[in-house]
Amino acid sequence: MSSIKIYLEAEECTAVQRYAEALGVSEEDIAYAALKRFMRDLKTAEDDISREVIQLRLSRRQSQSPWGTISSNTPFHDREGGTRLEPGPWREH
């Protein structure tokens, strides 16, 4: 089996850990689910996703990742113009 290493900023790692704990799963389970969803979505939105990957690569070099602030008072989906039902308990830290 091959492996992929993901290096996260402390704030990003904390958000993933908190979410994993709330679900009773490991951080690896979260990463695997995210990658699986990404690869599924890639089939229908390759151009948009390709642009986003390139933009995120550039932004990570220049500053902190936007989803690292997921535990802030303003939910990530609200800042991005999306919708979200009620925030989960993992956001309350």
PDB file of N, CA and C in Angstrom:
ATOM      1  N   MET A   1       0.850  -1.183   0.000  1.00  0.00           N
ATOM      2  CA  MET A   1       0.000   0.000   0.000  1.00  0.00           C
ATOM      3  C   MET A   1       0.889   1.237   0.000  1.00  0.00           C
ATOM      4  N   SER A   2       0.566   2.184  -0.825  1.00  0.00           N
ATOM      5  CA  SER A   2       1.288   3.454  -0.881  1.00  0.00           C
ATOM      6  C   SER A   2       0.748   4.393   0.182  1.00  0.00           C
ATOM      7  N   SER A   3       1.504   5.445   0.448  1.00  0.00           N
ATOM      8  CA  SER A   3       1.031   6.416   1.436  1.00  0.00           C
ATOM      9  C   SER A   3       1.255   7.829   0.916  1.00  0.00           C
ATOM     10  N   ILE A   4       0.481   8.739   1.477  1.00  0.00           N
ATOM     11  CA  ILE A   4       0.595  10.160   1.176  1.00  0.00           C
ATOM     12  C   ILE A   4       0.726  10.881   2.503  1.00  0.00           C
ATOM     13  N   LYS A   5       1.715  11.744   2.622  1.00  0.00           N
ATOM     14  CA  LYS A   5       1.881  12.532   3.841  1.00  0.00           C
ATOM     15  C   LYS A   5       1.258  13.903   3.619  1.00  0.00           C
ATOM     16  N   ILE A   6       0.547  14.372   4.626  1.00  0.00           N
ATOM     17  CA  ILE A   6      -0.074  15.690   4.570  1.00  0.00           C
ATOM     18  C   ILE A   6       0.460  16.493   5.748  1.00  0.00           C
ATOM     19  N   TYR A   7       1.044  17.630   5.452  1.00  0.00           N
ATOM     20  CA  TYR A   7       1.563  18.497   6.498  1.00  0.00           C
ATOM     21  C   TYR A   7       0.587  19.643   6.697  1.00  0.00           C
ATOM     22  N   LEU A   8       0.100  19.782   7.930  1.00  0.00           N
ATOM     23  CA  LEU A   8      -0.892  20.801   8.248  1.00  0.00           C
ATOM     24  C   LEU A   8      -0.309  21.820   9.222  1.00  0.00           C
ATOM     25  N   GLU A   9      -0.803  23.027   9.111  1.00  0.00           N
ATOM     26  CA  GLU A   9      -0.497  24.029  10.131  1.00  0.00           C
ATOM     27  C   GLU A   9      -1.178  23.596  11.424  1.00  0.00           C
ATOM     28  N   ALA A  10      -0.706  24.094  12.552  1.00  0.00           N
ATOM     29  CA  ALA A  10      -1.247  23.683  13.851  1.00  0.00           C
ATOM     30  C   ALA A  10      -2.758  23.901  13.931  1.00  0.00           C
ATOM     31  N   GLU A  11      -3.231  25.044  13.445  1.00  0.00           N
ATOM     32  CA  GLU A  11      -4.663  25.349  13.508  1.00  0.00           C
ATOM     33  C   GLU A  11      -5.476  24.393  12.630  1.00  0.00           C
ATOM     34  N   GLU A  12      -4.946  24.043  11.478  1.00  0.00           N
ATOM     35  CA  GLU A  12      -5.610  23.102  10.588  1.00  0.00           C
ATOM     36  C   GLU A  12      -5.696  21.726  11.242  1.00  0.00           C
ATOM     37  N   CYS A  13      -4.591  21.298  11.817  1.00  0.00           N
ATOM     38  CA  CYS A  13      -4.533  19.990  12.463  1.00  0.00           C
ATOM     39  C   CYS A  13      -5.518  19.924  13.632  1.00  0.00           C
ATOM     40  N   THR A  14      -5.590  20.987  14.403  1.00  0.00           N
ATOM     41  CA  THR A  14      -6.513  21.033  15.540  1.00  0.00           C
ATOM     42  C   THR A  14      -7.957  20.898  15.065  1.00  0.00           C
ATOM     43  N   ALA A  15      -8.303  21.579  13.977  1.00  0.00           N
ATOM     44  CA  ALA A  15      -9.673  21.495  13.447  1.00  0.00           C
ATOM     45  C   ALA A  15      -9.996  20.072  13.005  1.00  0.00           C
ATOM     46  N   VAL A  16      -9.058  19.420  12.328  1.00  0.00           N
ATOM     47  CA  VAL A  16      -9.280  18.042  11.876  1.00  0.00           C
ATOM     48  C   VAL A  16      -9.392  17.104  13.073  1.00  0.00           C
ATOM     49  N   GLN A  17      -8.519  17.256  14.039  1.00  0.00           N
ATOM     50  CA  GLN A  17      -8.566  16.409  15.243  1.00  0.00           C
ATOM     51  C   GLN A  17      -9.886  16.564  15.979  1.00  0.00           C
ATOM     52  N   ARG A  18     -10.330  17.796  16.140  1.00  0.00           N
ATOM     53  CA  ARG A  18     -11.579  18.059  16.852  1.00  0.00           C
ATOM     54  C   ARG A  18     -12.764  17.425  16.126  1.00  0.00           C
ATOM     55  N   TYR A  19     -12.787  17.537  14.815  1.00  0.00           N
ATOM     56  CA  TYR A  19     -13.871  16.948  14.031  1.00  0.00           C
ATOM     57  C   TYR A  19     -13.826  15.424  14.122  1.00  0.00           C
ATOM     58  N   ALA A  20     -12.647  14.861  14.017  1.00  0.00           N
ATOM     59  CA  ALA A  20     -12.502  13.406  14.125  1.00  0.00           C
ATOM     60  C   ALA A  20     -12.973  12.913  15.495  1.00  0.00           C
ATOM     61  N   GLU A  21     -12.584  13.608  16.539  1.00  0.00           N
ATOM     62  CA  GLU A  21     -13.011  13.230  17.887  1.00  0.00           C
ATOM     63  C   GLU A  21     -14.527  13.297  18.024  1.00  0.00           C
ATOM     64  N   ALA A  22     -15.137  14.329  17.454  1.00  0.00           N
ATOM     65  CA  ALA A  22     -16.594  14.475  17.532  1.00  0.00           C
ATOM     66  C   ALA A  22     -17.309  13.315  16.846  1.00  0.00           C
ATOM     67  N   LEU A  23     -16.707  12.782  15.791  1.00  0.00           N
ATOM     68  CA  LEU A  23     -17.308  11.659  15.068  1.00  0.00           C
ATOM     69  C   LEU A  23     -16.884  10.303  15.617  1.00  0.00           C
ATOM     70  N   GLY A  24     -15.858  10.302  16.456  1.00  0.00           N
ATOM     71  CA  GLY A  24     -15.355   9.040  16.984  1.00  0.00           C
ATOM     72  C   GLY A  24     -14.541   8.259  15.965  1.00  0.00           C
ATOM     73  N   VAL A  25     -13.835   8.988  15.087  1.00  0.00           N
ATOM     74  CA  VAL A  25     -13.001   8.368  14.067  1.00  0.00           C
ATOM     75  C   VAL A  25     -11.583   8.950  14.166  1.00  0.00           C
ATOM     76  N   SER A  26     -10.674   8.446  13.349  1.00  0.00           N
ATOM     77  CA  SER A  26      -9.305   8.964  13.360  1.00  0.00           C
ATOM     78  C   SER A  26      -9.139  10.098  12.357  1.00  0.00           C
ATOM     79  N   GLU A  27      -8.046  10.831  12.508  1.00  0.00           N
ATOM     80  CA  GLU A  27      -7.734  11.885  11.543  1.00  0.00           C
ATOM     81  C   GLU A  27      -7.515  11.281  10.154  1.00  0.00           C
ATOM     82  N   GLU A  28      -6.969  10.079  10.114  1.00  0.00           N
ATOM     83  CA  GLU A  28      -6.766   9.399   8.838  1.00  0.00           C
ATOM     84  C   GLU A  28      -8.104   9.095   8.159  1.00  0.00           C
ATOM     85  N   ASP A  29      -9.113   8.755   8.956  1.00  0.00           N
ATOM     86  CA  ASP A  29     -10.445   8.514   8.393  1.00  0.00           C
ATOM     87  C   ASP A  29     -10.987   9.785   7.742  1.00  0.00           C
ATOM     88  N   ILE A  30     -10.759  10.924   8.373  1.00  0.00           N
ATOM     89  CA  ILE A  30     -11.210  12.205   7.824  1.00  0.00           C
ATOM     90  C   ILE A  30     -10.476  12.485   6.513  1.00  0.00           C
ATOM     91  N   ALA A  31      -9.164  12.301   6.512  1.00  0.00           N
ATOM     92  CA  ALA A  31      -8.370  12.555   5.310  1.00  0.00           C
ATOM     93  C   ALA A  31      -8.794  11.623   4.172  1.00  0.00           C
ATOM     94  N   TYR A  32      -9.016  10.363   4.473  1.00  0.00           N
ATOM     95  CA  TYR A  32      -9.412   9.415   3.438  1.00  0.00           C
ATOM     96  C   TYR A  32     -10.782   9.782   2.863  1.00  0.00           C
ATOM     97  N   ALA A  33     -11.715  10.139   3.732  1.00  0.00           N
ATOM     98  CA  ALA A  33     -13.048  10.524   3.272  1.00  0.00           C
ATOM     99  C   ALA A  33     -12.976  11.786   2.403  1.00  0.00           C
ATOM    100  N   ALA A  34     -12.143  12.735   2.813  1.00  0.00           N
ATOM    101  CA  ALA A  34     -12.000  13.968   2.041  1.00  0.00           C
ATOM    102  C   ALA A  34     -11.400  13.683   0.667  1.00  0.00           C
ATOM    103  N   LEU A  35     -10.390  12.833   0.620  1.00  0.00           N
ATOM    104  CA  LEU A  35      -9.773  12.498  -0.661  1.00  0.00           C
ATOM    105  C   LEU A  35     -10.734  11.710  -1.552  1.00  0.00           C
ATOM    106  N   LYS A  36     -11.487  10.808  -0.961  1.00  0.00           N
ATOM    107  CA  LYS A  36     -12.466  10.037  -1.731  1.00  0.00           C
ATOM    108  C   LYS A  36     -13.515  10.972  -2.344  1.00  0.00           C
ATOM    109  N   ARG A  37     -13.996  11.913  -1.527  1.00  0.00           N
ATOM    110  CA  ARG A  37     -14.992  12.864  -2.020  1.00  0.00           C
ATOM    111  C   ARG A  37     -14.402  13.747  -3.118  1.00  0.00           C
ATOM    112  N   PHE A  38     -13.169  14.184  -2.899  1.00  0.00           N
ATOM    113  CA  PHE A  38     -12.476  14.996  -3.895  1.00  0.00           C
ATOM    114  C   PHE A  38     -12.383  14.259  -5.232  1.00  0.00           C
ATOM    115  N   MET A  39     -11.963  13.019  -5.208  1.00  0.00           N
ATOM    116  CA  MET A  39     -11.799  12.252  -6.438  1.00  0.00           C
ATOM    117  C   MET A  39     -13.151  11.998  -7.119  1.00  0.00           C
ATOM    118  N   ARG A  40     -14.196  11.818  -6.329  1.00  0.00           N
ATOM    119  CA  ARG A  40     -15.537  11.644  -6.895  1.00  0.00           C
ATOM    120  C   ARG A  40     -15.989  12.935  -7.581  1.00  0.00           C
ATOM    121  N   ASP A  41     -15.798  14.066  -6.897  1.00  0.00           N
ATOM    122  CA  ASP A  41     -16.207  15.358  -7.447  1.00  0.00           C
ATOM    123  C   ASP A  41     -15.382  15.741  -8.672  1.00  0.00           C
ATOM    124  N   LEU A  42     -14.160  15.270  -8.733  1.00  0.00           N
ATOM    125  CA  LEU A  42     -13.277  15.571  -9.859  1.00  0.00           C
ATOM    126  C   LEU A  42     -13.865  15.080 -11.177  1.00  0.00           C
ATOM    127  N   LYS A  43     -14.643  14.014 -11.124  1.00  0.00           N
ATOM    128  CA  LYS A  43     -15.240  13.453 -12.343  1.00  0.00           C
ATOM    129  C   LYS A  43     -16.218  14.419 -13.006  1.00  0.00           C
ATOM    130  N   THR A  44     -16.853  15.295 -12.223  1.00  0.00           N
ATOM    131  CA  THR A  44     -17.879  16.178 -12.787  1.00  0.00           C
ATOM    132  C   THR A  44     -17.471  17.649 -12.829  1.00  0.00           C
ATOM    133  N   ALA A  45     -16.386  18.004 -12.161  1.00  0.00           N
ATOM    134  CA  ALA A  45     -16.004  19.425 -12.105  1.00  0.00           C
ATOM    135  C   ALA A  45     -14.488  19.601 -12.214  1.00  0.00           C
ATOM    136  N   GLU A  46     -13.882  18.906 -13.146  1.00  0.00           N
ATOM    137  CA  GLU A  46     -12.418  18.898 -13.221  1.00  0.00           C
ATOM    138  C   GLU A  46     -11.815  20.283 -13.416  1.00  0.00           C
ATOM    139  N   ASP A  47     -12.371  21.087 -14.291  1.00  0.00           N
ATOM    140  CA  ASP A  47     -11.796  22.411 -14.540  1.00  0.00           C
ATOM    141  C   ASP A  47     -11.826  23.286 -13.288  1.00  0.00           C
ATOM    142  N   ASP A  48     -12.978  23.338 -12.614  1.00  0.00           N
ATOM    143  CA  ASP A  48     -13.104  24.138 -11.388  1.00  0.00           C
ATOM    144  C   ASP A  48     -12.168  23.634 -10.303  1.00  0.00           C
ATOM    145  N   ILE A  49     -12.115  22.341 -10.139  1.00  0.00           N
ATOM    146  CA  ILE A  49     -11.266  21.765  -9.089  1.00  0.00           C
ATOM    147  C   ILE A  49      -9.798  21.988  -9.408  1.00  0.00           C
ATOM    148  N   SER A  50      -9.411  21.859 -10.656  1.00  0.00           N
ATOM    149  CA  SER A  50      -8.022  22.096 -11.042  1.00  0.00           C
ATOM    150  C   SER A  50      -7.604  23.523 -10.711  1.00  0.00           C
ATOM    151  N   ARG A  51      -8.474  24.486 -11.030  1.00  0.00           N
ATOM    152  CA  ARG A  51      -8.180  25.886 -10.690  1.00  0.00           C
ATOM    153  C   ARG A  51      -8.045  26.064  -9.184  1.00  0.00           C
ATOM    154  N   GLU A  52      -8.942  25.441  -8.424  1.00  0.00           N
ATOM    155  CA  GLU A  52      -8.898  25.574  -6.970  1.00  0.00           C
ATOM    156  C   GLU A  52      -7.619  24.964  -6.393  1.00  0.00           C
ATOM    157  N   VAL A  53      -7.208  23.819  -6.902  1.00  0.00           N
ATOM    158  CA  VAL A  53      -5.974  23.187  -6.422  1.00  0.00           C
ATOM    159  C   VAL A  53      -4.789  24.115  -6.643  1.00  0.00           C
ATOM    160  N   ILE A  54      -4.713  24.713  -7.827  1.00  0.00           N
ATOM    161  CA  ILE A  54      -3.600  25.614  -8.134  1.00  0.00           C
ATOM    162  C   ILE A  54      -3.653  26.855  -7.258  1.00  0.00           C
ATOM    163  N   GLN A  55      -4.842  27.418  -7.063  1.00  0.00           N
ATOM    164  CA  GLN A  55      -4.984  28.607  -6.216  1.00  0.00           C
ATOM    165  C   GLN A  55      -4.609  28.296  -4.768  1.00  0.00           C
ATOM    166  N   LEU A  56      -5.045  27.149  -4.262  1.00  0.00           N
ATOM    167  CA  LEU A  56      -4.714  26.787  -2.886  1.00  0.00           C
ATOM    168  C   LEU A  56      -3.226  26.544  -2.720  1.00  0.00           C
ATOM    169  N   ARG A  57      -2.610  25.970  -3.718  1.00  0.00           N
ATOM    170  CA  ARG A  57      -1.157  25.760  -3.658  1.00  0.00           C
ATOM    171  C   ARG A  57      -0.447  27.095  -3.501  1.00  0.00           C
ATOM    172  N   LEU A  58      -0.863  28.071  -4.287  1.00  0.00           N
ATOM    173  CA  LEU A  58      -0.258  29.396  -4.193  1.00  0.00           C
ATOM    174  C   LEU A  58      -0.550  30.058  -2.851  1.00  0.00           C
ATOM    175  N   SER A  59      -1.783  29.935  -2.369  1.00  0.00           N
ATOM    176  CA  SER A  59      -2.145  30.592  -1.111  1.00  0.00           C
ATOM    177  C   SER A  59      -1.429  29.961   0.081  1.00  0.00           C
ATOM    178  N   ARG A  60      -1.196  28.653   0.052  1.00  0.00           N
ATOM    179  CA  ARG A  60      -0.471  28.005   1.149  1.00  0.00           C
ATOM    180  C   ARG A  60       0.977  28.468   1.194  1.00  0.00           C
ATOM    181  N   ARG A  61       1.531  28.812   0.058  1.00  0.00           N
ATOM    182  CA  ARG A  61       2.902  29.326   0.029  1.00  0.00           C
ATOM    183  C   ARG A  61       2.966  30.741   0.596  1.00  0.00           C
ATOM    184  N   GLN A  62       1.892  31.502   0.395  1.00  0.00           N
ATOM    185  CA  GLN A  62       1.889  32.913   0.773  1.00  0.00           C
ATOM    186  C   GLN A  62       1.322  33.174   2.156  1.00  0.00           C
ATOM    187  N   SER A  63       0.396  32.351   2.592  1.00  0.00           N
ATOM    188  CA  SER A  63      -0.250  32.610   3.877  1.00  0.00           C
ATOM    189  C   SER A  63      -0.869  31.330   4.416  1.00  0.00           C
ATOM    190  N   GLN A  64      -1.595  31.478   5.482  1.00  0.00           N
ATOM    191  CA  GLN A  64      -2.246  30.333   6.106  1.00  0.00           C
ATOM    192  C   GLN A  64      -3.436  29.855   5.281  1.00  0.00           C
ATOM    193  N   SER A  65      -3.679  28.577   5.325  1.00  0.00           N
ATOM    194  CA  SER A  65      -4.799  27.976   4.607  1.00  0.00           C
ATOM    195  C   SER A  65      -6.136  28.502   5.128  1.00  0.00           C
ATOM    196  N   PRO A  66      -7.102  28.763   4.248  1.00  0.00           N
ATOM    197  CA  PRO A  66      -8.390  29.294   4.701  1.00  0.00           C
ATOM    198  C   PRO A  66      -9.172  28.333   5.594  1.00  0.00           C
ATOM    199  N   TRP A  67      -9.035  27.035   5.412  1.00  0.00           N
ATOM    200  CA  TRP A  67      -9.813  26.134   6.242  1.00  0.00           C
ATOM    201  C   TRP A  67      -9.163  25.891   7.584  1.00  0.00           C
ATOM    202  N   GLY A  68      -7.980  26.427   7.795  1.00  0.00           N
ATOM    203  CA  GLY A  68      -7.357  26.341   9.115  1.00  0.00           C
ATOM    204  C   GLY A  68      -8.113  27.173  10.134  1.00  0.00           C
ATOM    205  N   THR A  69      -8.885  28.142   9.656  1.00  0.00           N
ATOM    206  CA  THR A  69      -9.650  29.010  10.542  1.00  0.00           C
ATOM    207  C   THR A  69     -11.058  28.478  10.758  1.00  0.00           C
ATOM    208  N   ILE A  70     -11.249  27.206  10.527  1.00  0.00           N
ATOM    209  CA  ILE A  70     -12.573  26.605  10.604  1.00  0.00           C
ATOM    210  C   ILE A  70     -13.189  26.703  12.005  1.00  0.00           C
ATOM    211  N   SER A  71     -12.355  26.883  13.016  1.00  0.00           N
ATOM    212  CA  SER A  71     -12.882  26.958  14.373  1.00  0.00           C
ATOM    213  C   SER A  71     -13.185  28.396  14.801  1.00  0.00           C
ATOM    214  N   SER A  72     -13.079  29.350  13.871  1.00  0.00           N
ATOM    215  CA  SER A  72     -13.369  30.737  14.220  1.00  0.00           C
ATOM    216  C   SER A  72     -14.859  30.924  14.436  1.00  0.00           C
ATOM    217  N   ASN A  73     -15.246  32.114  14.846  1.00  0.00           N
ATOM    218  CA  ASN A  73     -16.656  32.397  15.122  1.00  0.00           C
ATOM    219  C   ASN A  73     -17.509  32.406  13.861  1.00  0.00           C
ATOM    220  N   THR A  74     -16.902  32.700  12.710  1.00  0.00           N
ATOM    221  CA  THR A  74     -17.642  32.703  11.454  1.00  0.00           C
ATOM    222  C   THR A  74     -17.380  31.396  10.735  1.00  0.00           C
ATOM    223  N   PRO A  75     -18.400  30.563  10.545  1.00  0.00           N
ATOM    224  CA  PRO A  75     -18.184  29.281   9.883  1.00  0.00           C
ATOM    225  C   PRO A  75     -17.596  29.450   8.489  1.00  0.00           C
ATOM    226  N   PHE A  76     -16.720  28.545   8.107  1.00  0.00           N
ATOM    227  CA  PHE A  76     -16.054  28.587   6.805  1.00  0.00           C
ATOM    228  C   PHE A  76     -17.055  28.715   5.676  1.00  0.00           C
ATOM    229  N   HIS A  77     -18.139  27.949   5.719  1.00  0.00           N
ATOM    230  CA  HIS A  77     -19.115  27.976   4.636  1.00  0.00           C
ATOM    231  C   HIS A  77     -19.770  29.346   4.505  1.00  0.00           C
ATOM    232  N   ASP A  78     -19.971  30.046   5.625  1.00  0.00           N
ATOM    233  CA  ASP A  78     -20.542  31.386   5.571  1.00  0.00           C
ATOM    234  C   ASP A  78     -19.568  32.356   4.909  1.00  0.00           C
ATOM    235  N   ARG A  79     -18.268  32.226   5.234  1.00  0.00           N
ATOM    236  CA  ARG A  79     -17.283  33.121   4.643  1.00  0.00           C
ATOM    237  C   ARG A  79     -17.158  32.870   3.148  1.00  0.00           C
ATOM    238  N   GLU A  80     -17.393  31.649   2.719  1.00  0.00           N
ATOM    239  CA  GLU A  80     -17.254  31.296   1.318  1.00  0.00           C
ATOM    240  C   GLU A  80     -18.553  31.485   0.541  1.00  0.00           C
ATOM    241  N   GLY A  81     -19.616  31.966   1.190  1.00  0.00           N
ATOM    242  CA  GLY A  81     -20.867  32.210   0.498  1.00  0.00           C
ATOM    243  C   GLY A  81     -21.731  30.975   0.348  1.00  0.00           C
ATOM    244  N   GLY A  82     -21.385  29.907   1.031  1.00  0.00           N
ATOM    245  CA  GLY A  82     -22.156  28.676   0.956  1.00  0.00           C
ATOM    246  C   GLY A  82     -23.191  28.610   2.062  1.00  0.00           C
ATOM    247  N   THR A  83     -23.832  27.487   2.168  1.00  0.00           N
ATOM    248  CA  THR A  83     -24.813  27.312   3.224  1.00  0.00           C
ATOM    249  C   THR A  83     -24.412  26.127   4.082  1.00  0.00           C
ATOM    250  N   ARG A  84     -24.842  26.159   5.292  1.00  0.00           N
ATOM    251  CA  ARG A  84     -24.552  25.084   6.222  1.00  0.00           C
ATOM    252  C   ARG A  84     -25.697  25.034   7.211  1.00  0.00           C
ATOM    253  N   LEU A  85     -26.073  23.852   7.604  1.00  0.00           N
ATOM    254  CA  LEU A  85     -27.089  23.723   8.626  1.00  0.00           C
ATOM    255  C   LEU A  85     -26.494  24.161   9.951  1.00  0.00           C
ATOM    256  N   GLU A  86     -26.879  23.596  11.013  1.00  0.00           N
ATOM    257  CA  GLU A  86     -26.332  23.975  12.306  1.00  0.00           C
ATOM    258  C   GLU A  86     -24.880  23.511  12.436  1.00  0.00           C
ATOM    259  N   PRO A  87     -24.013  24.342  13.044  1.00  0.00           N
ATOM    260  CA  PRO A  87     -22.636  23.912  13.226  1.00  0.00           C
ATOM    261  C   PRO A  87     -22.572  22.754  14.204  1.00  0.00           C
ATOM    262  N   GLY A  88     -21.656  21.839  13.939  1.00  0.00           N
ATOM    263  CA  GLY A  88     -21.482  20.682  14.804  1.00  0.00           C
ATOM    264  C   GLY A  88     -20.787  21.062  16.098  1.00  0.00           C
ATOM    265  N   PRO A  89     -20.849  20.203  17.103  1.00  0.00           N
ATOM    266  CA  PRO A  89     -20.211  20.504  18.392  1.00  0.00           C
ATOM    267  C   PRO A  89     -18.701  20.620  18.292  1.00  0.00           C
ATOM    268  N   TRP A  90     -18.102  20.080  17.264  1.00  0.00           N
ATOM    269  CA  TRP A  90     -16.653  20.156  17.112  1.00  0.00           C
ATOM    270  C   TRP A  90     -16.192  21.576  16.827  1.00  0.00           C
ATOM    271  N   ARG A  91     -17.092  22.490  16.438  1.00  0.00           N
ATOM    272  CA  ARG A  91     -16.729  23.883  16.158  1.00  0.00           C
ATOM    273  C   ARG A  91     -16.686  24.747  17.420  1.00  0.00           C
ATOM    274  N   GLU A  92     -17.141  24.241  18.518  1.00  0.00           N
ATOM    275  CA  GLU A  92     -17.347  25.078  19.697  1.00  0.00           C
ATOM    276  C   GLU A  92     -16.104  25.300  20.536  1.00  0.00           C
ATOM    277  N   HIS A  93     -14.962  24.852  20.116  1.00  0.00           N
ATOM    278  CA  HIS A  93     -13.734  25.014  20.901  1.00  0.00           C
ATOM    279  C   HIS A  93     -13.049  26.314  20.587  1.00  0.00           C
TER     280      HIS A  93
END
